[in-house]
Amino acid sequence: MVEALIKRNLKTHPQLNFPDYKSSRLRAPKNKKISFSSTSTEISGPVFNKDIIGKLDNDLTLNFSKNNILPIGHKIIVFGTISDQFANPIEGALIEIWQANAAGKYLHHNDNNTAPIDPNFAGCGRYITSSKGYYEFITIQPGPYPYPNRGIEWRPMHIHFSVFGKSFGQRLITQMYFEGDPLINSCPMVNSISDEKAKQSLISTLDTSRYNTKKLLSYKFDIILRGTNQTFFENRKEGL
C-alpha cells in the first residue's frame, strides 16, 4: 500500500523577492515556475552506503586538523533524526554539512570576512543516517559574521545542511540556527519566511541529556520531510 503524500503548504515558503534581503531583489525569478522531466542521471544515482564514509567524516574537529591539533572554539554535538511526514525514520540518507569557523570565517576563496582562517578546521562533514534515521556530528560552534545588506548586518550562527535521498534529484538544502541566538529575529533571510512554525523548524534546541556523559553542549535538530510539520528547505545555494 502506498501512503498518500500530504500536500505541501506553499504559504510557509519565503518571499522570493524580499526587499529587506537586498540580493533577493536582484536575483528573484521574474517568470512563473515551470516543470520538466528529470534526466536518468538525476533519478538513478548515486547509491550512498557507509563504505564511502571515513572514520572522521562526522567529526569536524579532527577531519582537517594538523597533527591532531583541535580547532579554536567551543566544541559541540549536533544530532537528530530524519523522518518522513508519517514519523517513519529515513535510513541511508546522506547528510552533508558546512559552516563557518568560530570566528565566522568560511574556508572559501570568496569569503571576504577579515576574520582569521583556522588552519585546523575546514567546516565540512558528512554522515549516513542509521536504520532509525539518526545522525550525529561533532563540530565547533560557528560564529556570526557581517555581510553587506542595508549597510552591514550580521548573520546568526548557523550550519548548512544538505540531505540526499536515493538520487541527485532528491537533494534538499537548509540551514540550522541555534536556540537563543538574538540575531535570528533580525535576520532578513529568516524573516523572509512569514510562517512562524516554519521559522521554528530551522532552530535547533539545546539538549542537556549529554552534559555528564559527553561533557559537551548538544543541539538537537530533527528534520521532517514533507507534510504539515516539515522542515523548511531552500532549493538554492547560500546567498543566491
C-alpha atoms as a PDB file:
ATOM      1  CA  MET A   1       0.000   0.000   0.000  1.00  0.00           C
ATOM      2  CA  VAL A   2       1.381   3.426  -0.987  1.00  0.00           C
ATOM      3  CA  GLU A   3       0.727   6.196   1.522  1.00  0.00           C
ATOM      4  CA  ALA A   4      -0.509   9.446   0.028  1.00  0.00           C
ATOM      5  CA  LEU A   5       1.741  12.475   0.312  1.00  0.00           C
ATOM      6  CA  ILE A   6       0.466  15.361   2.378  1.00  0.00           C
ATOM      7  CA  LYS A   7       0.148  18.420   0.154  1.00  0.00           C
ATOM      8  CA  ARG A   8       2.891  20.958   0.637  1.00  0.00           C
ATOM      9  CA  ASN A   9       1.813  24.269   2.162  1.00  0.00           C
ATOM     10  CA  LEU A  10       3.386  26.868  -0.101  1.00  0.00           C
ATOM     11  CA  LYS A  11       2.428  29.656   2.328  1.00  0.00           C
ATOM     12  CA  THR A  12       5.280  28.558   4.582  1.00  0.00           C
ATOM     13  CA  HIS A  13       7.847  29.294   1.864  1.00  0.00           C
ATOM     14  CA  PRO A  14       9.761  32.591   1.961  1.00  0.00           C
ATOM     15  CA  GLN A  15       9.102  35.526  -0.322  1.00  0.00           C
ATOM     16  CA  LEU A  16      11.445  35.179  -3.297  1.00  0.00           C
ATOM     17  CA  ASN A  17      11.596  38.947  -3.669  1.00  0.00           C
ATOM     18  CA  PHE A  18      12.013  40.177  -0.087  1.00  0.00           C
ATOM     19  CA  PRO A  19      13.083  43.853  -0.054  1.00  0.00           C
ATOM     20  CA  ASP A  20      14.791  43.631   3.354  1.00  0.00           C
ATOM     21  CA  TYR A  21      17.133  40.990   1.900  1.00  0.00           C
ATOM     22  CA  LYS A  22      18.907  43.130  -0.694  1.00  0.00           C
ATOM     23  CA  SER A  23      20.218  40.477  -3.085  1.00  0.00           C
ATOM     24  CA  SER A  24      16.786  38.860  -3.433  1.00  0.00           C
ATOM     25  CA  ARG A  25      15.546  41.953  -5.288  1.00  0.00           C
ATOM     26  CA  LEU A  26      18.150  41.363  -7.997  1.00  0.00           C
ATOM     27  CA  ARG A  27      18.066  37.570  -8.134  1.00  0.00           C
ATOM     28  CA  ALA A  28      14.439  36.588  -7.576  1.00  0.00           C
ATOM     29  CA  PRO A  29      12.899  34.954 -10.684  1.00  0.00           C
ATOM     30  CA  LYS A  30      10.572  37.204 -12.652  1.00  0.00           C
ATOM     31  CA  ASN A  31       8.744  34.479 -14.607  1.00  0.00           C
ATOM     32  CA  LYS A  32       6.433  31.702 -13.424  1.00  0.00           C
ATOM     33  CA  LYS A  33       7.847  28.326 -12.396  1.00  0.00           C
ATOM     34  CA  ILE A  34       7.929  25.566 -14.994  1.00  0.00           C
ATOM     35  CA  SER A  35       8.106  21.782 -14.621  1.00  0.00           C
ATOM     36  CA  PHE A  36      10.155  19.426 -16.767  1.00  0.00           C
ATOM     37  CA  SER A  37      11.104  15.770 -16.667  1.00  0.00           C
ATOM     38  CA  SER A  38      14.160  14.565 -14.750  1.00  0.00           C
ATOM     39  CA  THR A  39      17.089  13.031 -16.606  1.00  0.00           C
ATOM     40  CA  SER A  40      18.222   9.461 -15.936  1.00  0.00           C
ATOM     41  CA  THR A  41      21.298  10.790 -14.117  1.00  0.00           C
ATOM     42  CA  GLU A  42      19.133  12.691 -11.670  1.00  0.00           C
ATOM     43  CA  ILE A  43      16.880   9.775 -10.767  1.00  0.00           C
ATOM     44  CA  SER A  44      19.216   6.767 -10.977  1.00  0.00           C
ATOM     45  CA  GLY A  45      22.155   7.657  -8.790  1.00  0.00           C
ATOM     46  CA  PRO A  46      24.286   7.814  -6.864  1.00  0.00           C
ATOM     47  CA  VAL A  47      23.818   4.982  -4.377  1.00  0.00           C
ATOM     48  CA  PHE A  48      25.038   6.000  -0.948  1.00  0.00           C
ATOM     49  CA  ASN A  49      26.366   3.452   1.533  1.00  0.00           C
ATOM     50  CA  LYS A  50      28.546   3.577   4.602  1.00  0.00           C
ATOM     51  CA  ASP A  51      31.597   2.439   2.595  1.00  0.00           C
ATOM     52  CA  ILE A  52      32.020   5.995   1.307  1.00  0.00           C
ATOM     53  CA  ILE A  53      32.171   7.455   4.833  1.00  0.00           C
ATOM     54  CA  GLY A  54      35.545   7.873   6.519  1.00  0.00           C
ATOM     55  CA  LYS A  55      36.121   7.357  10.228  1.00  0.00           C
ATOM     56  CA  LEU A  56      36.345  11.098  10.924  1.00  0.00           C
ATOM     57  CA  ASP A  57      33.891  12.385   8.324  1.00  0.00           C
ATOM     58  CA  ASN A  58      31.376  13.395  11.003  1.00  0.00           C
ATOM     59  CA  ASP A  59      33.984  14.852  13.381  1.00  0.00           C
ATOM     60  CA  LEU A  60      34.764  18.323  12.086  1.00  0.00           C
ATOM     61  CA  THR A  61      37.145  18.933  14.999  1.00  0.00           C
ATOM     62  CA  LEU A  62      39.544  16.283  13.678  1.00  0.00           C
ATOM     63  CA  ASN A  63      38.877  15.659   9.967  1.00  0.00           C
ATOM     64  CA  PHE A  64      41.023  18.630   8.882  1.00  0.00           C
ATOM     65  CA  SER A  65      43.318  19.047  11.879  1.00  0.00           C
ATOM     66  CA  LYS A  66      47.083  19.102  11.560  1.00  0.00           C
ATOM     67  CA  ASN A  67      48.829  16.697  13.944  1.00  0.00           C
ATOM     68  CA  ASN A  68      45.562  16.209  15.880  1.00  0.00           C
ATOM     69  CA  ILE A  69      45.509  19.859  16.966  1.00  0.00           C
ATOM     70  CA  LEU A  70      41.957  20.827  17.815  1.00  0.00           C
ATOM     71  CA  PRO A  71      40.426  23.891  16.114  1.00  0.00           C
ATOM     72  CA  ILE A  72      39.751  27.023  18.114  1.00  0.00           C
ATOM     73  CA  GLY A  73      36.260  27.383  19.531  1.00  0.00           C
ATOM     74  CA  HIS A  74      33.529  25.784  21.560  1.00  0.00           C
ATOM     75  CA  LYS A  75      33.235  22.056  20.800  1.00  0.00           C
ATOM     76  CA  ILE A  76      29.618  20.867  20.443  1.00  0.00           C
ATOM     77  CA  ILE A  77      27.500  17.940  19.259  1.00  0.00           C
ATOM     78  CA  VAL A  78      24.785  18.398  16.638  1.00  0.00           C
ATOM     79  CA  PHE A  79      22.451  15.424  16.311  1.00  0.00           C
ATOM     80  CA  GLY A  80      18.925  14.412  15.399  1.00  0.00           C
ATOM     81  CA  THR A  81      16.807  12.270  13.124  1.00  0.00           C
ATOM     82  CA  ILE A  82      15.412  12.443   9.610  1.00  0.00           C
ATOM     83  CA  SER A  83      11.853  11.178   9.195  1.00  0.00           C
ATOM     84  CA  ASP A  84       9.000  11.396   6.723  1.00  0.00           C
ATOM     85  CA  GLN A  85       5.640  13.118   7.293  1.00  0.00           C
ATOM     86  CA  PHE A  86       4.312   9.950   8.952  1.00  0.00           C
ATOM     87  CA  ALA A  87       7.169   9.845  11.518  1.00  0.00           C
ATOM     88  CA  ASN A  88       8.883   6.927   9.766  1.00  0.00           C
ATOM     89  CA  PRO A  89      12.698   7.135  10.009  1.00  0.00           C
ATOM     90  CA  ILE A  90      14.676   7.680   6.802  1.00  0.00           C
ATOM     91  CA  GLU A  91      17.550   5.228   6.599  1.00  0.00           C
ATOM     92  CA  GLY A  92      20.573   5.696   4.329  1.00  0.00           C
ATOM     93  CA  ALA A  93      20.190   9.432   3.679  1.00  0.00           C
ATOM     94  CA  LEU A  94      23.476  11.214   3.085  1.00  0.00           C
ATOM     95  CA  ILE A  95      23.771  14.378   5.186  1.00  0.00           C
ATOM     96  CA  GLU A  96      26.487  16.877   4.340  1.00  0.00           C
ATOM     97  CA  ILE A  97      27.107  19.970   6.452  1.00  0.00           C
ATOM     98  CA  TRP A  98      29.282  23.046   6.036  1.00  0.00           C
ATOM     99  CA  GLN A  99      29.807  26.050   8.269  1.00  0.00           C
ATOM    100  CA  ALA A 100      31.980  28.981   9.289  1.00  0.00           C
ATOM    101  CA  ASN A 101      34.611  28.585  11.983  1.00  0.00           C
ATOM    102  CA  ALA A 102      34.384  30.050  15.488  1.00  0.00           C
ATOM    103  CA  ALA A 103      35.352  33.487  14.130  1.00  0.00           C
ATOM    104  CA  GLY A 104      32.628  33.432  11.460  1.00  0.00           C
ATOM    105  CA  LYS A 105      35.042  32.683   8.598  1.00  0.00           C
ATOM    106  CA  TYR A 106      34.470  30.100   5.833  1.00  0.00           C
ATOM    107  CA  LEU A 107      37.409  28.264   4.305  1.00  0.00           C
ATOM    108  CA  HIS A 108      36.420  29.562   0.878  1.00  0.00           C
ATOM    109  CA  HIS A 109      38.208  31.915  -1.501  1.00  0.00           C
ATOM    110  CA  ASN A 110      35.076  34.055  -1.929  1.00  0.00           C
ATOM    111  CA  ASP A 111      34.730  34.777   1.794  1.00  0.00           C
ATOM    112  CA  ASN A 112      35.822  38.405   2.244  1.00  0.00           C
ATOM    113  CA  ASN A 113      35.343  38.441   6.011  1.00  0.00           C
ATOM    114  CA  THR A 114      38.521  39.771   7.670  1.00  0.00           C
ATOM    115  CA  ALA A 115      38.254  37.174  10.462  1.00  0.00           C
ATOM    116  CA  PRO A 116      41.118  34.643  10.543  1.00  0.00           C
ATOM    117  CA  ILE A 117      41.086  31.191   8.942  1.00  0.00           C
ATOM    118  CA  ASP A 118      41.560  28.322  11.383  1.00  0.00           C
ATOM    119  CA  PRO A 119      44.254  26.037   9.883  1.00  0.00           C
ATOM    120  CA  ASN A 120      42.770  23.055  11.732  1.00  0.00           C
ATOM    121  CA  PHE A 121      39.149  23.496  10.659  1.00  0.00           C
ATOM    122  CA  ALA A 122      37.609  23.066   7.201  1.00  0.00           C
ATOM    123  CA  GLY A 123      33.984  23.250   8.351  1.00  0.00           C
ATOM    124  CA  CYS A 124      32.724  20.293   6.277  1.00  0.00           C
ATOM    125  CA  GLY A 125      31.396  16.897   7.300  1.00  0.00           C
ATOM    126  CA  ARG A 126      29.063  14.085   6.254  1.00  0.00           C
ATOM    127  CA  TYR A 127      27.081  11.216   7.722  1.00  0.00           C
ATOM    128  CA  ILE A 128      24.717   8.477   6.502  1.00  0.00           C
ATOM    129  CA  THR A 129      21.636   8.031   8.648  1.00  0.00           C
ATOM    130  CA  SER A 130      21.096   4.817  10.619  1.00  0.00           C
ATOM    131  CA  SER A 131      18.123   2.463  10.420  1.00  0.00           C
ATOM    132  CA  LYS A 132      16.380   4.763  12.889  1.00  0.00           C
ATOM    133  CA  GLY A 133      17.136   7.856  10.812  1.00  0.00           C
ATOM    134  CA  TYR A 134      19.749   9.044  13.312  1.00  0.00           C
ATOM    135  CA  TYR A 135      22.753  11.271  12.576  1.00  0.00           C
ATOM    136  CA  GLU A 136      25.432  12.957  14.684  1.00  0.00           C
ATOM    137  CA  PHE A 137      28.243  15.470  14.152  1.00  0.00           C
ATOM    138  CA  ILE A 138      30.974  16.756  16.459  1.00  0.00           C
ATOM    139  CA  THR A 139      31.958  20.274  15.487  1.00  0.00           C
ATOM    140  CA  ILE A 140      32.801  23.785  16.624  1.00  0.00           C
ATOM    141  CA  GLN A 141      30.022  26.280  17.291  1.00  0.00           C
ATOM    142  CA  PRO A 142      30.167  28.666  14.321  1.00  0.00           C
ATOM    143  CA  GLY A 143      30.496  32.379  14.843  1.00  0.00           C
ATOM    144  CA  PRO A 144      28.179  35.035  13.393  1.00  0.00           C
ATOM    145  CA  TYR A 145      29.579  37.167  10.593  1.00  0.00           C
ATOM    146  CA  PRO A 146      28.909  40.520   8.897  1.00  0.00           C
ATOM    147  CA  TYR A 147      27.586  40.831   5.358  1.00  0.00           C
ATOM    148  CA  PRO A 148      26.534  43.805   3.195  1.00  0.00           C
ATOM    149  CA  ASN A 149      22.769  44.294   3.418  1.00  0.00           C
ATOM    150  CA  ARG A 150      21.100  47.614   4.269  1.00  0.00           C
ATOM    151  CA  GLY A 151      24.598  48.690   5.279  1.00  0.00           C
ATOM    152  CA  ILE A 152      26.330  45.997   7.342  1.00  0.00           C
ATOM    153  CA  GLU A 153      24.236  43.370   9.085  1.00  0.00           C
ATOM    154  CA  TRP A 154      25.124  40.157  10.890  1.00  0.00           C
ATOM    155  CA  ARG A 155      24.115  36.599  10.056  1.00  0.00           C
ATOM    156  CA  PRO A 156      23.153  34.456  13.049  1.00  0.00           C
ATOM    157  CA  MET A 157      25.266  31.426  13.921  1.00  0.00           C
ATOM    158  CA  HIS A 158      24.206  28.654  11.553  1.00  0.00           C
ATOM    159  CA  ILE A 159      25.152  25.367   9.928  1.00  0.00           C
ATOM    160  CA  HIS A 160      24.193  24.460   6.349  1.00  0.00           C
ATOM    161  CA  PHE A 161      22.596  21.050   5.813  1.00  0.00           C
ATOM    162  CA  SER A 162      22.346  19.146   2.532  1.00  0.00           C
ATOM    163  CA  VAL A 163      20.193  15.993   2.580  1.00  0.00           C
ATOM    164  CA  PHE A 164      20.409  13.466  -0.273  1.00  0.00           C
ATOM    165  CA  GLY A 165      17.841  10.722  -0.782  1.00  0.00           C
ATOM    166  CA  LYS A 166      18.399   7.956  -3.326  1.00  0.00           C
ATOM    167  CA  SER A 167      19.458  10.225  -6.177  1.00  0.00           C
ATOM    168  CA  PHE A 168      20.790  13.679  -7.075  1.00  0.00           C
ATOM    169  CA  GLY A 169      17.227  14.734  -7.842  1.00  0.00           C
ATOM    170  CA  GLN A 170      16.368  14.175  -4.184  1.00  0.00           C
ATOM    171  CA  ARG A 171      18.615  16.815  -2.692  1.00  0.00           C
ATOM    172  CA  LEU A 172      17.307  19.329  -0.173  1.00  0.00           C
ATOM    173  CA  ILE A 173      19.262  22.192   1.407  1.00  0.00           C
ATOM    174  CA  THR A 174      18.542  24.126   4.576  1.00  0.00           C
ATOM    175  CA  GLN A 175      20.193  25.964   7.470  1.00  0.00           C
ATOM    176  CA  MET A 176      20.157  25.158  11.175  1.00  0.00           C
ATOM    177  CA  TYR A 177      20.164  28.002  13.698  1.00  0.00           C
ATOM    178  CA  PHE A 178      20.895  27.884  17.425  1.00  0.00           C
ATOM    179  CA  GLU A 179      18.308  28.280  20.151  1.00  0.00           C
ATOM    180  CA  GLY A 180      18.657  31.585  21.980  1.00  0.00           C
ATOM    181  CA  ASP A 181      20.716  33.416  19.336  1.00  0.00           C
ATOM    182  CA  PRO A 182      19.442  37.033  19.425  1.00  0.00           C
ATOM    183  CA  LEU A 183      20.464  37.621  15.802  1.00  0.00           C
ATOM    184  CA  ILE A 184      17.823  35.195  14.472  1.00  0.00           C
ATOM    185  CA  ASN A 185      14.922  37.610  14.871  1.00  0.00           C
ATOM    186  CA  SER A 186      16.701  40.404  12.991  1.00  0.00           C
ATOM    187  CA  CYS A 187      17.959  38.273  10.079  1.00  0.00           C
ATOM    188  CA  PRO A 188      16.247  39.184   6.763  1.00  0.00           C
ATOM    189  CA  MET A 189      16.856  35.684   5.381  1.00  0.00           C
ATOM    190  CA  VAL A 190      14.978  34.169   8.306  1.00  0.00           C
ATOM    191  CA  ASN A 191      12.291  36.854   8.245  1.00  0.00           C
ATOM    192  CA  SER A 192      11.571  36.201   4.573  1.00  0.00           C
ATOM    193  CA  ILE A 193       9.694  33.170   5.945  1.00  0.00           C
ATOM    194  CA  SER A 194       6.416  34.632   7.178  1.00  0.00           C
ATOM    195  CA  ASP A 195       5.132  31.431   8.798  1.00  0.00           C
ATOM    196  CA  GLU A 196       6.337  31.278  12.418  1.00  0.00           C
ATOM    197  CA  LYS A 197       6.102  27.485  12.612  1.00  0.00           C
ATOM    198  CA  ALA A 198       8.314  27.162   9.547  1.00  0.00           C
ATOM    199  CA  LYS A 199      10.874  29.500  11.145  1.00  0.00           C
ATOM    200  CA  GLN A 200      10.939  27.436  14.308  1.00  0.00           C
ATOM    201  CA  SER A 201      11.632  24.288  12.288  1.00  0.00           C
ATOM    202  CA  LEU A 202      15.072  25.748  11.489  1.00  0.00           C
ATOM    203  CA  ILE A 203      16.110  26.365  15.116  1.00  0.00           C
ATOM    204  CA  SER A 204      17.895  23.591  16.992  1.00  0.00           C
ATOM    205  CA  THR A 205      17.184  23.052  20.682  1.00  0.00           C
ATOM    206  CA  LEU A 206      19.777  22.797  23.431  1.00  0.00           C
ATOM    207  CA  ASP A 207      19.813  19.224  24.731  1.00  0.00           C
ATOM    208  CA  THR A 208      21.051  18.719  28.298  1.00  0.00           C
ATOM    209  CA  SER A 209      20.931  14.910  28.357  1.00  0.00           C
ATOM    210  CA  ARG A 210      24.628  14.537  27.465  1.00  0.00           C
ATOM    211  CA  TYR A 211      26.127  17.014  29.927  1.00  0.00           C
ATOM    212  CA  ASN A 212      27.599  14.296  32.121  1.00  0.00           C
ATOM    213  CA  THR A 213      28.419  11.587  29.560  1.00  0.00           C
ATOM    214  CA  LYS A 214      29.954  13.615  26.716  1.00  0.00           C
ATOM    215  CA  LYS A 215      30.793  16.808  28.644  1.00  0.00           C
ATOM    216  CA  LEU A 216      29.787  18.765  25.544  1.00  0.00           C
ATOM    217  CA  LEU A 217      26.859  21.019  24.796  1.00  0.00           C
ATOM    218  CA  SER A 218      24.497  19.273  22.398  1.00  0.00           C
ATOM    219  CA  TYR A 219      21.980  20.710  19.955  1.00  0.00           C
ATOM    220  CA  LYS A 220      19.126  18.594  18.615  1.00  0.00           C
ATOM    221  CA  PHE A 221      17.896  19.254  15.083  1.00  0.00           C
ATOM    222  CA  ASP A 222      15.256  16.874  13.744  1.00  0.00           C
ATOM    223  CA  ILE A 223      14.438  17.046  10.033  1.00  0.00           C
ATOM    224  CA  ILE A 224      10.975  16.157   8.745  1.00  0.00           C
ATOM    225  CA  LEU A 225      10.445  15.632   5.025  1.00  0.00           C
ATOM    226  CA  ARG A 226       7.124  16.905   3.650  1.00  0.00           C
ATOM    227  CA  GLY A 227       3.809  17.198   5.465  1.00  0.00           C
ATOM    228  CA  THR A 228       2.381  19.882   7.725  1.00  0.00           C
ATOM    229  CA  ASN A 229       5.335  19.646  10.131  1.00  0.00           C
ATOM    230  CA  GLN A 230       8.055  19.617   7.501  1.00  0.00           C
ATOM    231  CA  THR A 231      11.358  21.364   7.993  1.00  0.00           C
ATOM    232  CA  PHE A 232      11.714  24.354   5.693  1.00  0.00           C
ATOM    233  CA  PHE A 233      14.164  23.781   2.827  1.00  0.00           C
ATOM    234  CA  GLU A 234      15.659  26.070   0.240  1.00  0.00           C
ATOM    235  CA  ASN A 235      16.447  24.915  -3.268  1.00  0.00           C
ATOM    236  CA  ARG A 236      19.269  27.330  -3.848  1.00  0.00           C
ATOM    237  CA  LYS A 237      22.848  27.927  -2.740  1.00  0.00           C
ATOM    238  CA  GLU A 238      23.608  30.328   0.077  1.00  0.00           C
ATOM    239  CA  GLY A 239      23.343  33.982  -0.991  1.00  0.00           C
ATOM    240  CA  LEU A 240      21.556  33.337  -4.288  1.00  0.00           C
END
